[in-house]
Amino acid sequence: MPMTASPIRHDWTLDEIRALFDLPFNDLVFKAQSVHREHFDPNEVQVSTLLSIKTGACPEDCKYCPQSGHYNTGLEKEKLLEIEKVVAEARAAKDKGASRFCMGAAWRSPSKKDMPYVLDMVRQVKSLGLETCMTLGMLQQSEADQLAEAGLDYYNHNLDTSEKYYNHIITTRTYQDRLDTLDNVRKAGMKVCCGGIMGMGEDEDDRAGLIMQLANLPHHPESVPINMLVKVAGTPLEDVDDLDPFEFVRTIAVARIVMPESHVRLSAGRENMNDQMQALCFLAGANSIFYGEKLLTTTNPEADHDRQLFKRLGIRPEQRGDAHTDEEREAGLVDAMEKERNRHLFYDATDRQTA
């Protein structure tokens, strides 16, 4: 791998981020791909599997989210899944080629009565040799410490948008609440999965502001999900104007440039992206996806189509330290994505819609 040339910075200004967004598209994507190659294999993409361990009836009022109890989206409330079922799903995901297993619950924060079950889920999934990720809402330091002690690798908690635009999207928790949870996760020694959602009616300055906030955290998130809003009937954002696809690709590219060592995840909204747009996202530095036909309550590209796209682009799934040969990786991905067709429990692990 080439010697690293791009410095890791935590002092980006809004003007600097805006200047990146304003570059000619070809120049921006070339710069992003160049940075990407300094830190990653350009033809590897990390593949994650997600499972909703508790769905619906969330007390938060996130305007994009069908799981919010504030909106009538027809989503049925589900109880916390049994540990045995979660472990079985994780084992199947590993057998099909996934390297990370993500679990999410539609909570404002985990309750004391549910924490023992959640901790046991982490321990048992971890024992299978998978990386583990959870999103459970806000965490106090004691809760973060318990999750870390149980072996949780990643905690997902998105900022969603810029601080300036935040109150247009959520009023039941503050921006600082989210930053405090991220700080608690870091202090506990876990890795951070944190990004946002594009296309919620924000302007370019809001997208720049979100990327600046992420890049100026004391430690860059190891995983940065960049989601395209999936508009769901019954939510306040169901009729918001579509975001220009090139603006979305620009956001991927800027995130790659200012957070060179992070995995940038092409997350929710892929169902509405054609192959060419997804290829541009990979070219711009996206190197992580969720596979499966369902992310939360919204659709995702069919797994077999993902496999075909990977093959057409010469992309292979990233493996953990016990990586196998390219042929074994390809076989694992083929099996994973073909068998994913019948799965229905996956969802996108952010604050209840995206990750």
Protein backbone atom coordinates (compact mmCIF):
# COMPACT_ATOMS: atom_id res chain seq x y z
CA MET A 1 0.00 0.00 0.00
CA PRO A 2 1.39 3.47 -0.87
CA MET A 3 2.91 5.62 1.86
CA THR A 4 0.31 7.83 3.50
CA ALA A 5 0.50 11.43 2.29
CA SER A 6 -2.76 12.99 3.47
CA PRO A 7 -2.54 14.39 7.00
CA ILE A 8 -5.17 13.49 9.57
CA ARG A 9 -6.72 16.77 10.65
CA HIS A 10 -9.29 17.78 13.25
CA ASP A 11 -9.33 21.50 12.56
CA TRP A 12 -11.28 21.85 9.33
CA THR A 13 -13.08 25.15 8.75
CA LEU A 14 -16.45 25.49 7.11
CA ASP A 15 -14.86 27.52 4.32
CA GLU A 16 -12.42 24.68 3.60
CA ILE A 17 -15.23 22.14 3.45
CA ARG A 18 -17.29 24.42 1.21
CA ALA A 19 -14.31 24.80 -1.11
CA LEU A 20 -14.12 21.03 -1.52
CA PHE A 21 -17.83 20.83 -2.33
CA ASP A 22 -17.35 23.59 -4.91
CA LEU A 23 -14.56 21.81 -6.83
CA PRO A 24 -15.35 20.67 -10.38
CA PHE A 25 -16.88 17.22 -10.05
CA ASN A 26 -14.03 15.41 -11.84
CA ASP A 27 -11.41 17.15 -9.72
CA LEU A 28 -13.23 16.35 -6.49
CA VAL A 29 -13.71 12.65 -7.31
CA PHE A 30 -10.09 12.33 -8.48
CA LYS A 31 -8.85 13.88 -5.24
CA ALA A 32 -11.11 11.61 -3.16
CA GLN A 33 -10.00 8.48 -5.01
CA SER A 34 -6.35 9.48 -4.60
CA VAL A 35 -6.82 9.89 -0.84
CA HIS A 36 -8.73 6.62 -0.70
CA ARG A 37 -5.85 4.70 -2.32
CA GLU A 38 -3.42 6.03 0.28
CA HIS A 39 -5.31 4.24 3.04
CA PHE A 40 -7.39 1.40 1.56
CA ASP A 41 -7.43 -1.22 -1.16
CA PRO A 42 -9.60 0.57 -3.76
CA ASN A 43 -11.31 -2.67 -4.78
CA GLU A 44 -12.38 -3.88 -1.33
CA VAL A 45 -15.70 -2.99 0.29
CA GLN A 46 -16.62 -3.90 3.85
CA VAL A 47 -19.94 -5.78 3.99
CA SER A 48 -22.18 -5.72 7.07
CA THR A 49 -25.38 -7.49 8.04
CA LEU A 50 -28.00 -5.79 10.21
CA LEU A 51 -30.73 -7.11 12.45
CA SER A 52 -33.49 -5.24 14.24
CA ILE A 53 -33.62 -6.61 17.76
CA LYS A 54 -36.55 -4.35 18.71
CA THR A 55 -38.71 -2.47 16.21
CA GLY A 56 -41.19 0.42 16.40
CA ALA A 57 -42.84 2.67 19.01
CA CYS A 58 -39.80 4.87 19.51
CA PRO A 59 -40.54 7.99 21.62
CA GLU A 60 -38.24 10.23 19.54
CA ASP A 61 -39.73 12.48 16.84
CA CYS A 62 -37.05 12.14 14.12
CA LYS A 63 -38.97 13.38 11.09
CA TYR A 64 -37.44 10.83 8.71
CA CYS A 65 -38.14 7.76 10.79
CA PRO A 66 -41.03 5.30 10.33
CA GLN A 67 -40.26 3.80 13.74
CA SER A 68 -41.18 7.00 15.57
CA GLY A 69 -44.28 6.64 17.71
CA HIS A 70 -45.21 10.20 16.68
CA TYR A 71 -46.18 9.19 13.12
CA ASN A 72 -48.62 6.74 11.61
CA THR A 73 -46.60 4.75 9.08
CA GLY A 74 -48.30 1.39 9.53
CA LEU A 75 -45.25 -0.13 11.19
CA GLU A 76 -46.07 -2.80 13.76
CA LYS A 77 -44.36 -2.66 17.14
CA GLU A 78 -42.15 -5.63 17.95
CA LYS A 79 -40.68 -6.79 21.25
CA LEU A 80 -36.99 -7.41 21.94
CA LEU A 81 -35.92 -10.53 20.08
CA GLU A 82 -34.89 -13.63 21.97
CA ILE A 83 -31.14 -14.04 22.34
CA GLU A 84 -31.20 -17.45 20.66
CA LYS A 85 -32.78 -15.98 17.53
CA VAL A 86 -30.23 -13.16 17.37
CA VAL A 87 -27.33 -15.60 17.71
CA ALA A 88 -28.79 -17.84 15.02
CA GLU A 89 -29.06 -14.87 12.66
CA ALA A 90 -25.48 -13.85 13.43
CA ARG A 91 -24.19 -17.36 12.79
CA ALA A 92 -26.02 -17.45 9.46
CA ALA A 93 -24.60 -14.04 8.53
CA LYS A 94 -21.05 -15.22 9.24
CA ASP A 95 -21.59 -18.38 7.22
CA LYS A 96 -22.69 -16.20 4.31
CA GLY A 97 -19.62 -14.00 4.33
CA ALA A 98 -20.43 -11.05 6.63
CA SER A 99 -17.60 -9.69 8.75
CA ARG A 100 -19.70 -7.46 10.99
CA PHE A 101 -23.07 -8.02 12.63
CA CYS A 102 -25.07 -4.94 13.61
CA MET A 103 -27.99 -4.94 16.03
CA GLY A 104 -30.35 -2.06 16.64
CA ALA A 105 -33.26 -1.27 18.93
CA ALA A 106 -35.81 1.52 18.58
CA TRP A 107 -35.18 3.05 21.99
CA ARG A 108 -34.49 6.54 23.27
CA SER A 109 -31.96 4.78 25.48
CA PRO A 110 -31.67 1.20 26.81
CA SER A 111 -33.62 0.36 29.97
CA LYS A 112 -32.09 -1.30 33.00
CA LYS A 113 -34.26 -4.37 32.52
CA ASP A 114 -33.15 -4.83 28.90
CA MET A 115 -29.42 -4.24 29.38
CA PRO A 116 -28.58 -7.78 30.62
CA TYR A 117 -30.16 -9.28 27.49
CA VAL A 118 -28.37 -6.82 25.22
CA LEU A 119 -25.03 -7.54 26.88
CA ASP A 120 -25.54 -11.27 26.48
CA MET A 121 -26.31 -10.74 22.78
CA VAL A 122 -23.00 -8.94 22.37
CA ARG A 123 -21.05 -11.66 24.16
CA GLN A 124 -22.60 -14.49 22.20
CA VAL A 125 -22.32 -12.80 18.78
CA LYS A 126 -18.74 -11.80 19.57
CA SER A 127 -17.92 -15.42 20.44
CA LEU A 128 -18.72 -16.36 16.84
CA GLY A 129 -15.76 -14.31 15.61
CA LEU A 130 -17.80 -11.46 14.15
CA GLU A 131 -17.26 -7.76 14.71
CA THR A 132 -20.23 -6.43 16.67
CA CYS A 133 -22.10 -3.16 16.34
CA MET A 134 -25.16 -1.83 18.15
CA THR A 135 -27.41 1.22 18.11
CA LEU A 136 -29.60 1.60 21.17
CA GLY A 137 -30.09 5.36 21.39
CA MET A 138 -28.41 7.58 23.95
CA LEU A 139 -25.90 6.06 26.38
CA GLN A 140 -24.77 7.12 29.82
CA GLN A 141 -21.14 6.41 30.65
CA SER A 142 -22.05 3.40 32.78
CA GLU A 143 -24.02 1.85 29.91
CA ALA A 144 -21.21 2.46 27.44
CA ASP A 145 -18.75 0.87 29.86
CA GLN A 146 -20.94 -2.23 30.21
CA LEU A 147 -21.22 -2.64 26.45
CA ALA A 148 -17.47 -2.27 26.01
CA GLU A 149 -16.80 -4.81 28.75
CA ALA A 150 -19.15 -7.25 27.00
CA GLY A 151 -17.00 -6.93 23.87
CA LEU A 152 -18.96 -4.52 21.65
CA ASP A 153 -16.69 -3.27 18.87
CA TYR A 154 -18.76 -0.43 17.35
CA TYR A 155 -21.54 1.81 18.54
CA ASN A 156 -23.69 3.62 15.97
CA HIS A 157 -25.09 7.02 16.86
CA ASN A 158 -25.62 9.42 13.97
CA LEU A 159 -25.56 13.20 14.12
CA ASP A 160 -28.00 13.13 11.17
CA THR A 161 -27.36 16.69 9.95
CA SER A 162 -25.65 19.96 10.83
CA GLU A 163 -26.17 21.56 14.23
CA LYS A 164 -27.81 24.51 12.46
CA TYR A 165 -30.45 22.36 10.74
CA TYR A 166 -30.88 19.81 13.51
CA ASN A 167 -33.97 21.32 15.17
CA HIS A 168 -35.81 21.11 11.84
CA ILE A 169 -35.47 17.33 12.04
CA ILE A 170 -35.52 16.35 15.73
CA THR A 171 -36.78 18.10 18.87
CA THR A 172 -36.86 15.31 21.46
CA ARG A 173 -33.09 15.22 21.98
CA THR A 174 -30.44 17.85 21.46
CA TYR A 175 -27.35 17.90 19.27
CA GLN A 176 -25.28 17.98 22.44
CA ASP A 177 -27.06 14.83 23.65
CA ARG A 178 -25.72 13.07 20.58
CA LEU A 179 -22.21 14.41 21.04
CA ASP A 180 -22.28 13.35 24.69
CA THR A 181 -23.17 9.79 23.70
CA LEU A 182 -20.30 9.72 21.21
CA ASP A 183 -17.96 10.95 23.93
CA ASN A 184 -19.18 8.26 26.32
CA VAL A 185 -18.62 5.60 23.67
CA ARG A 186 -15.05 6.80 23.07
CA LYS A 187 -14.26 6.94 26.78
CA ALA A 188 -15.44 3.34 27.09
CA GLY A 189 -12.95 2.29 24.41
CA MET A 190 -15.38 1.38 21.63
CA LYS A 191 -15.18 2.39 17.98
CA VAL A 192 -17.66 4.92 16.65
CA CYS A 193 -20.05 4.58 13.71
CA CYS A 194 -21.45 8.05 13.04
CA GLY A 195 -22.72 9.86 9.95
CA GLY A 196 -25.85 11.48 8.65
CA ILE A 197 -28.73 11.59 6.20
CA MET A 198 -28.73 13.58 2.98
CA GLY A 199 -31.85 14.87 1.23
CA MET A 200 -33.89 15.98 4.24
CA GLY A 201 -34.37 19.50 2.87
CA GLU A 202 -30.99 20.72 4.12
CA ASP A 203 -28.76 22.99 2.01
CA GLU A 204 -25.13 22.52 0.99
CA ASP A 205 -23.93 24.45 4.03
CA ASP A 206 -25.73 21.92 6.24
CA ARG A 207 -24.04 19.03 4.47
CA ALA A 208 -20.72 20.81 4.81
CA GLY A 209 -21.47 21.54 8.46
CA LEU A 210 -22.19 17.89 9.20
CA ILE A 211 -18.98 16.71 7.54
CA MET A 212 -17.01 19.40 9.39
CA GLN A 213 -18.50 18.31 12.73
CA LEU A 214 -17.56 14.67 12.08
CA ALA A 215 -14.07 15.53 10.86
CA ASN A 216 -13.38 17.76 13.86
CA LEU A 217 -14.29 15.19 16.49
CA PRO A 218 -11.27 14.36 18.68
CA HIS A 219 -11.13 11.01 16.85
CA HIS A 220 -12.67 10.46 13.44
CA PRO A 221 -15.46 7.87 13.44
CA GLU A 222 -14.10 4.55 12.24
CA SER A 223 -17.28 4.17 10.19
CA VAL A 224 -19.13 7.08 8.56
CA PRO A 225 -22.56 6.14 7.13
CA ILE A 226 -23.71 8.53 4.41
CA ASN A 227 -27.43 7.87 3.94
CA MET A 228 -29.80 9.10 1.27
CA LEU A 229 -33.21 9.82 2.76
CA VAL A 230 -35.74 7.08 2.09
CA LYS A 231 -39.06 8.89 2.03
CA VAL A 232 -41.73 6.95 3.94
CA ALA A 233 -45.44 7.75 3.78
CA GLY A 234 -46.72 9.07 7.08
CA THR A 235 -43.47 10.80 8.06
CA PRO A 236 -43.14 14.61 7.83
CA LEU A 237 -40.46 14.26 5.14
CA GLU A 238 -42.45 12.06 2.77
CA ASP A 239 -42.80 14.86 0.19
CA VAL A 240 -39.41 16.57 0.49
CA ASP A 241 -37.64 17.35 -2.79
CA ASP A 242 -35.15 14.77 -4.06
CA LEU A 243 -31.46 15.52 -3.65
CA ASP A 244 -29.38 15.85 -6.82
CA PRO A 245 -27.48 12.52 -7.15
CA PHE A 246 -24.24 14.33 -7.95
CA GLU A 247 -24.57 16.28 -4.70
CA PHE A 248 -24.79 12.98 -2.84
CA VAL A 249 -21.63 11.70 -4.57
CA ARG A 250 -19.92 14.97 -3.68
CA THR A 251 -20.78 14.37 -0.02
CA ILE A 252 -19.21 10.90 -0.18
CA ALA A 253 -16.08 12.38 -1.76
CA VAL A 254 -15.69 15.20 0.76
CA ALA A 255 -16.16 12.76 3.65
CA ARG A 256 -13.42 10.57 2.19
CA ILE A 257 -11.00 13.49 1.82
CA VAL A 258 -11.41 14.90 5.33
CA MET A 259 -11.62 11.53 7.11
CA PRO A 260 -8.99 9.52 5.19
CA GLU A 261 -8.81 6.51 7.51
CA SER A 262 -12.54 6.04 8.08
CA HIS A 263 -14.73 3.54 6.31
CA VAL A 264 -17.27 5.64 4.42
CA ARG A 265 -20.48 3.66 4.18
CA LEU A 266 -22.85 3.89 1.25
CA SER A 267 -25.89 3.26 3.37
CA ALA A 268 -29.67 3.75 3.11
CA GLY A 269 -31.21 4.83 -0.17
CA ARG A 270 -29.28 2.47 -2.45
CA GLU A 271 -32.59 1.04 -3.69
CA ASN A 272 -33.14 4.36 -5.48
CA MET A 273 -29.62 4.51 -6.94
CA ASN A 274 -28.79 2.99 -10.29
CA ASP A 275 -25.59 0.99 -10.79
CA GLN A 276 -23.79 3.96 -12.29
CA MET A 277 -24.46 6.15 -9.25
CA GLN A 278 -23.30 3.43 -6.87
CA ALA A 279 -20.14 2.96 -8.94
CA LEU A 280 -19.48 6.71 -8.70
CA CYS A 281 -19.88 6.48 -4.93
CA PHE A 282 -17.30 3.69 -4.77
CA LEU A 283 -15.00 5.74 -6.99
CA ALA A 284 -15.49 8.71 -4.65
CA GLY A 285 -14.29 6.65 -1.69
CA ALA A 286 -17.25 4.71 -0.31
CA ASN A 287 -15.94 1.36 0.92
CA SER A 288 -18.66 -0.11 3.10
CA ILE A 289 -22.25 -1.25 2.48
CA PHE A 290 -25.08 -3.14 4.10
CA TYR A 291 -26.39 -6.06 2.12
CA GLY A 292 -29.81 -7.64 2.34
CA GLU A 293 -33.18 -6.78 0.92
CA LYS A 294 -34.32 -4.64 3.82
CA LEU A 295 -32.79 -1.84 5.83
CA LEU A 296 -35.05 -1.15 8.78
CA THR A 297 -38.46 -0.79 7.18
CA THR A 298 -37.25 0.33 3.76
CA THR A 299 -35.99 -1.67 0.82
CA ASN A 300 -32.39 -2.25 -0.22
CA PRO A 301 -31.09 -3.53 -3.58
CA GLU A 302 -31.64 -7.25 -3.96
CA ALA A 303 -28.65 -9.14 -2.65
CA ASP A 304 -28.09 -10.99 -5.91
CA HIS A 305 -27.96 -7.65 -7.72
CA ASP A 306 -25.31 -6.46 -5.26
CA ARG A 307 -23.24 -9.53 -6.02
CA GLN A 308 -23.55 -8.92 -9.76
CA LEU A 309 -22.57 -5.27 -9.35
CA PHE A 310 -19.51 -6.24 -7.29
CA LYS A 311 -18.49 -8.69 -10.00
CA ARG A 312 -18.97 -6.13 -12.79
CA LEU A 313 -16.85 -3.59 -10.91
CA GLY A 314 -14.17 -6.05 -9.79
CA ILE A 315 -14.97 -5.38 -6.13
CA ARG A 316 -14.45 -7.99 -3.42
CA PRO A 317 -15.69 -7.98 0.17
CA GLU A 318 -13.23 -6.82 2.80
CA GLN A 319 -12.32 -9.51 5.30
CA ARG A 320 -11.11 -9.39 8.88
CA GLY A 321 -7.60 -10.52 9.84
CA ASP A 322 -8.40 -14.17 9.09
CA ALA A 323 -8.98 -13.31 5.41
CA HIS A 324 -9.22 -16.06 2.84
CA THR A 325 -8.28 -16.19 -0.81
CA ASP A 326 -10.04 -14.08 -3.42
CA GLU A 327 -11.81 -17.21 -4.65
CA GLU A 328 -13.08 -18.00 -1.16
CA ARG A 329 -14.19 -14.41 -0.69
CA GLU A 330 -16.10 -14.47 -3.97
CA ALA A 331 -17.71 -17.78 -3.11
CA GLY A 332 -18.73 -16.46 0.29
CA LEU A 333 -20.27 -13.33 -1.19
CA VAL A 334 -22.12 -15.31 -3.86
CA ASP A 335 -23.60 -17.57 -1.22
CA ALA A 336 -24.38 -14.66 1.07
CA MET A 337 -26.16 -12.51 -1.40
CA GLU A 338 -28.09 -15.25 -3.17
CA LYS A 339 -29.45 -16.58 0.11
CA GLU A 340 -30.28 -13.11 1.40
CA ARG A 341 -33.39 -13.01 -0.82
CA ASN A 342 -35.56 -14.65 1.79
CA ARG A 343 -34.41 -12.63 4.76
CA HIS A 344 -36.76 -10.02 6.21
CA LEU A 345 -35.32 -8.91 9.54
CA PHE A 346 -32.52 -6.62 8.38
CA TYR A 347 -32.68 -2.92 8.97
CA ASP A 348 -30.38 0.04 8.75
CA ALA A 349 -28.83 0.70 12.13
CA THR A 350 -28.92 4.38 12.72
CA ASP A 351 -31.42 6.14 14.92
CA ARG A 352 -34.09 3.82 13.62
CA GLN A 353 -33.91 4.41 9.89
CA THR A 354 -30.38 4.58 8.61
CA ALA A 355 -26.79 3.87 9.41
